[in-house]
Amino acid sequence: MTDPGRTRPADQGRRLDALEAAVRARSSLVPGVGIVLGSGLGELAEGLDDAVAIPFSELPGWPAATAPGHVGRLILGHLGGRPVVMLQGRFHLYEGHDPGLVVQPVLLFRRLGASVVVLTNAAGGLDPSFGPGTLMAITDHINLTGLNPLIGPNDEGIGPRFPDLTEAWSPSLRGRLHAAADAEGVVLAEGIYVGLTGPNYETPAEVRMLAALGG
């Protein structure tokens, strides 16, 4: 049985139309890069030039951000001279939102013009060599949420019915990220991200299982 309140792939087009119209009423900037600012990175948005900030409450269908430190704004501006769009805070599965809504900001980034998306978050480390604050570039992921935003009637205008995830995490972009880290003297690790719903942290047994699975 289909949940009538769930955002299906075929629903995204009209919802993105409304979101794009709301953004374009405030800014004509065409971003090249979209950045989701995870926990602890929200202040990066304060450094944008010519910034236009739009609260989630002014974007149709978007809920408030409730996670600590998540302001809940979509911001367009220039970072280092480059046009960008940022999400200062976001919404999560553990807040009760459906997966189609959770991924909608990334789809909106693309609709606004971004060809590159940078996702960031704070997560626990399974590799014992990772200490607190270790920066890690994701090479691949394992989805253990039991959810998928692509389930339901598809809209080819959003993406193909059966997308290839072989290079979901771009090797070329990771190479550029490593080059930038080296230039700044920043240690950047690599690893596989395991997606879980939260909000609780994992048990010791679950941590061992996730490591054994390749996380």
Protein backbone atom coordinates (compact mmCIF):
# COMPACT_ATOMS: atom_id res chain seq x y z
CA MET A 1 0.00 0.00 0.00
CA THR A 2 1.30 3.46 -0.92
CA ASP A 3 1.48 6.13 1.77
CA PRO A 4 -0.52 9.10 0.38
CA GLY A 5 1.65 11.52 2.35
CA ARG A 6 4.91 10.27 0.88
CA THR A 7 6.82 12.26 -1.74
CA ARG A 8 7.23 9.94 -4.73
CA PRO A 9 9.67 10.56 -7.60
CA ALA A 10 6.75 11.50 -9.86
CA ASP A 11 5.68 14.18 -7.34
CA GLN A 12 9.03 15.95 -7.29
CA GLY A 13 8.62 17.93 -10.53
CA ARG A 14 5.66 20.05 -9.44
CA ARG A 15 7.10 20.51 -5.96
CA LEU A 16 10.40 21.66 -7.44
CA ASP A 17 8.50 24.08 -9.69
CA ALA A 18 7.01 25.73 -6.60
CA LEU A 19 10.33 25.77 -4.76
CA GLU A 20 12.21 27.22 -7.72
CA ALA A 21 9.60 29.96 -8.13
CA ALA A 22 9.94 30.87 -4.44
CA VAL A 23 13.72 31.09 -4.73
CA ARG A 24 13.67 33.02 -8.01
CA ALA A 25 11.35 35.59 -6.44
CA ARG A 26 14.28 36.43 -4.16
CA SER A 27 17.39 35.79 -6.26
CA SER A 28 18.39 35.29 -9.90
CA LEU A 29 21.80 33.84 -9.01
CA VAL A 30 22.66 30.64 -10.89
CA PRO A 31 24.93 28.58 -8.61
CA GLY A 32 27.57 26.24 -9.95
CA VAL A 33 27.91 24.36 -6.67
CA GLY A 34 25.42 23.32 -4.00
CA ILE A 35 26.69 22.69 -0.47
CA VAL A 36 24.82 21.04 2.40
CA LEU A 37 26.34 22.32 5.63
CA GLY A 38 26.28 19.58 8.24
CA SER A 39 26.65 19.91 12.00
CA GLY A 40 29.41 22.34 12.96
CA LEU A 41 29.76 23.92 9.51
CA GLY A 42 26.82 26.33 9.54
CA GLU A 43 29.07 29.36 10.06
CA LEU A 44 30.56 28.90 6.59
CA ALA A 45 27.40 30.45 5.18
CA GLU A 46 28.08 33.64 7.12
CA GLY A 47 31.10 34.27 4.87
CA LEU A 48 29.16 34.46 1.61
CA ASP A 49 29.29 37.68 -0.40
CA ASP A 50 26.05 39.19 -1.76
CA ALA A 51 24.13 36.60 0.23
CA VAL A 52 20.38 36.11 -0.02
CA ALA A 53 19.02 33.96 2.81
CA ILE A 54 15.62 32.29 2.61
CA PRO A 55 14.22 30.62 5.75
CA PHE A 56 12.82 27.13 5.27
CA SER A 57 9.45 28.50 6.43
CA GLU A 58 9.29 30.58 3.23
CA LEU A 59 9.90 27.60 0.94
CA PRO A 60 6.72 25.65 0.09
CA GLY A 61 6.46 22.30 1.79
CA TRP A 62 9.70 22.58 3.75
CA PRO A 63 9.59 21.97 7.50
CA ALA A 64 11.61 23.76 10.13
CA ALA A 65 15.07 22.42 10.98
CA THR A 66 15.03 21.03 14.51
CA ALA A 67 18.52 19.52 14.90
CA PRO A 68 20.75 21.50 17.30
CA GLY A 69 22.83 24.08 15.43
CA HIS A 70 20.78 23.79 12.22
CA VAL A 71 19.50 27.29 11.44
CA GLY A 72 17.17 26.23 8.64
CA ARG A 73 17.95 28.54 5.71
CA LEU A 74 18.73 28.23 2.01
CA ILE A 75 21.37 30.80 1.07
CA LEU A 76 22.62 31.95 -2.32
CA GLY A 77 25.76 34.02 -2.75
CA HIS A 78 29.42 33.95 -3.71
CA LEU A 79 32.12 31.94 -1.95
CA GLY A 80 35.65 32.76 -3.08
CA GLY A 81 34.13 34.51 -6.08
CA ARG A 82 32.12 31.46 -7.16
CA PRO A 83 28.30 31.39 -7.18
CA VAL A 84 26.99 28.83 -4.71
CA VAL A 85 23.81 27.75 -2.98
CA MET A 86 24.01 26.45 0.58
CA LEU A 87 21.71 24.67 2.95
CA GLN A 88 22.36 25.98 6.46
CA GLY A 89 20.82 23.09 8.33
CA ARG A 90 18.61 20.38 6.90
CA PHE A 91 15.87 17.90 7.76
CA HIS A 92 16.37 14.25 8.60
CA LEU A 93 14.62 10.91 8.49
CA TYR A 94 14.73 10.69 12.28
CA GLU A 95 12.60 13.82 12.51
CA GLY A 96 9.80 11.85 10.86
CA HIS A 97 10.22 13.16 7.31
CA ASP A 98 9.88 10.90 4.30
CA PRO A 99 12.95 10.20 2.15
CA GLY A 100 11.55 12.04 -0.87
CA LEU A 101 11.41 15.24 1.16
CA VAL A 102 14.84 14.70 2.72
CA VAL A 103 16.53 14.57 -0.71
CA GLN A 104 14.50 17.46 -2.15
CA PRO A 105 17.13 20.14 -1.37
CA VAL A 106 19.66 18.32 -3.57
CA LEU A 107 17.13 18.15 -6.40
CA LEU A 108 16.48 21.87 -5.92
CA PHE A 109 20.21 22.60 -6.13
CA ARG A 110 20.24 20.95 -9.53
CA ARG A 111 17.11 22.79 -10.64
CA LEU A 112 18.74 26.11 -9.70
CA GLY A 113 21.79 25.30 -11.83
CA ALA A 114 24.31 23.49 -9.63
CA SER A 115 26.23 20.75 -11.43
CA VAL A 116 28.25 19.79 -8.34
CA VAL A 117 26.88 18.99 -4.89
CA VAL A 118 29.01 18.80 -1.75
CA LEU A 119 27.40 16.90 1.12
CA THR A 120 28.82 17.22 4.63
CA ASN A 121 27.82 15.82 8.00
CA ALA A 122 29.15 14.79 11.38
CA ALA A 123 29.27 11.02 11.88
CA GLY A 124 30.82 8.40 14.10
CA GLY A 125 33.94 6.61 12.88
CA LEU A 126 34.22 2.83 12.52
CA ASP A 127 37.93 2.87 11.68
CA PRO A 128 39.85 2.78 14.99
CA SER A 129 42.52 5.01 13.45
CA PHE A 130 39.99 7.84 13.09
CA GLY A 131 40.12 10.18 16.06
CA PRO A 132 37.57 12.90 16.85
CA GLY A 133 37.54 15.55 14.14
CA THR A 134 38.97 13.32 11.41
CA LEU A 135 37.96 14.55 7.96
CA MET A 136 36.87 11.78 5.60
CA ALA A 137 36.01 11.82 1.91
CA ILE A 138 33.28 9.30 1.12
CA THR A 139 34.25 6.75 -1.53
CA ASP A 140 31.05 4.67 -1.41
CA HIS A 141 28.05 4.08 0.81
CA ILE A 142 25.87 1.34 2.28
CA ASN A 143 22.20 2.26 2.73
CA LEU A 144 20.85 0.50 5.82
CA THR A 145 17.94 2.85 6.42
CA GLY A 146 15.49 0.47 4.75
CA LEU A 147 14.21 3.48 2.79
CA ASN A 148 14.72 4.77 -0.74
CA PRO A 149 13.46 8.08 -2.19
CA LEU A 150 13.28 6.50 -5.66
CA ILE A 151 10.49 4.06 -4.82
CA GLY A 152 7.24 4.85 -6.61
CA PRO A 153 6.25 6.08 -10.09
CA ASN A 154 9.27 7.68 -11.74
CA ASP A 155 9.73 11.01 -13.49
CA GLU A 156 12.41 10.74 -16.18
CA GLY A 157 12.81 14.51 -15.98
CA ILE A 158 14.22 14.02 -12.49
CA GLY A 159 16.37 11.00 -13.30
CA PRO A 160 16.39 7.50 -14.80
CA ARG A 161 14.31 4.68 -13.38
CA PHE A 162 17.41 2.59 -12.62
CA PRO A 163 20.29 4.98 -11.82
CA ASP A 164 23.84 3.62 -11.83
CA LEU A 165 25.54 4.24 -8.47
CA THR A 166 28.95 2.86 -9.46
CA GLU A 167 30.44 6.34 -9.18
CA ALA A 168 27.86 8.01 -6.98
CA TRP A 169 30.77 9.64 -5.13
CA SER A 170 32.78 11.21 -7.94
CA PRO A 171 36.41 9.99 -8.13
CA SER A 172 37.43 13.13 -10.03
CA LEU A 173 35.93 15.43 -7.41
CA ARG A 174 37.59 13.41 -4.64
CA GLY A 175 40.89 13.88 -6.44
CA ARG A 176 40.39 17.64 -6.45
CA LEU A 177 39.40 17.52 -2.78
CA HIS A 178 42.60 15.67 -1.90
CA ALA A 179 44.67 18.14 -3.92
CA ALA A 180 43.08 21.05 -2.05
CA ALA A 181 43.66 19.32 1.29
CA ASP A 182 47.32 18.67 0.44
CA ALA A 183 47.79 22.30 -0.57
CA GLU A 184 46.46 23.42 2.81
CA GLY A 185 48.30 20.78 4.82
CA VAL A 186 45.04 19.12 5.88
CA VAL A 187 44.92 15.38 6.51
CA LEU A 188 42.00 13.86 4.59
CA ALA A 189 41.07 10.21 5.06
CA GLU A 190 38.78 8.10 2.88
CA GLY A 191 36.10 5.61 3.80
CA ILE A 192 32.69 4.08 3.17
CA TYR A 193 29.67 5.78 4.70
CA VAL A 194 26.98 3.62 6.31
CA GLY A 195 23.57 5.27 6.30
CA LEU A 196 21.28 4.61 9.28
CA THR A 197 18.16 6.40 10.42
CA GLY A 198 19.14 7.40 13.97
CA PRO A 199 18.47 9.27 16.17
CA ASN A 200 20.05 6.86 18.65
CA TYR A 201 23.72 5.98 18.46
CA GLU A 202 24.60 2.40 17.60
CA THR A 203 25.18 -0.36 20.12
CA PRO A 204 28.68 -1.90 20.40
CA ALA A 205 27.39 -5.02 18.62
CA GLU A 206 26.00 -2.91 15.79
CA VAL A 207 29.30 -1.05 15.47
CA ARG A 208 31.14 -4.37 15.07
CA MET A 209 28.59 -5.52 12.49
CA LEU A 210 28.89 -2.32 10.46
CA ALA A 211 32.67 -2.57 10.42
CA ALA A 212 32.43 -6.20 9.27
CA LEU A 213 30.10 -5.13 6.46
CA GLY A 214 32.77 -2.82 5.11
CA GLY A 215 31.89 0.51 6.70
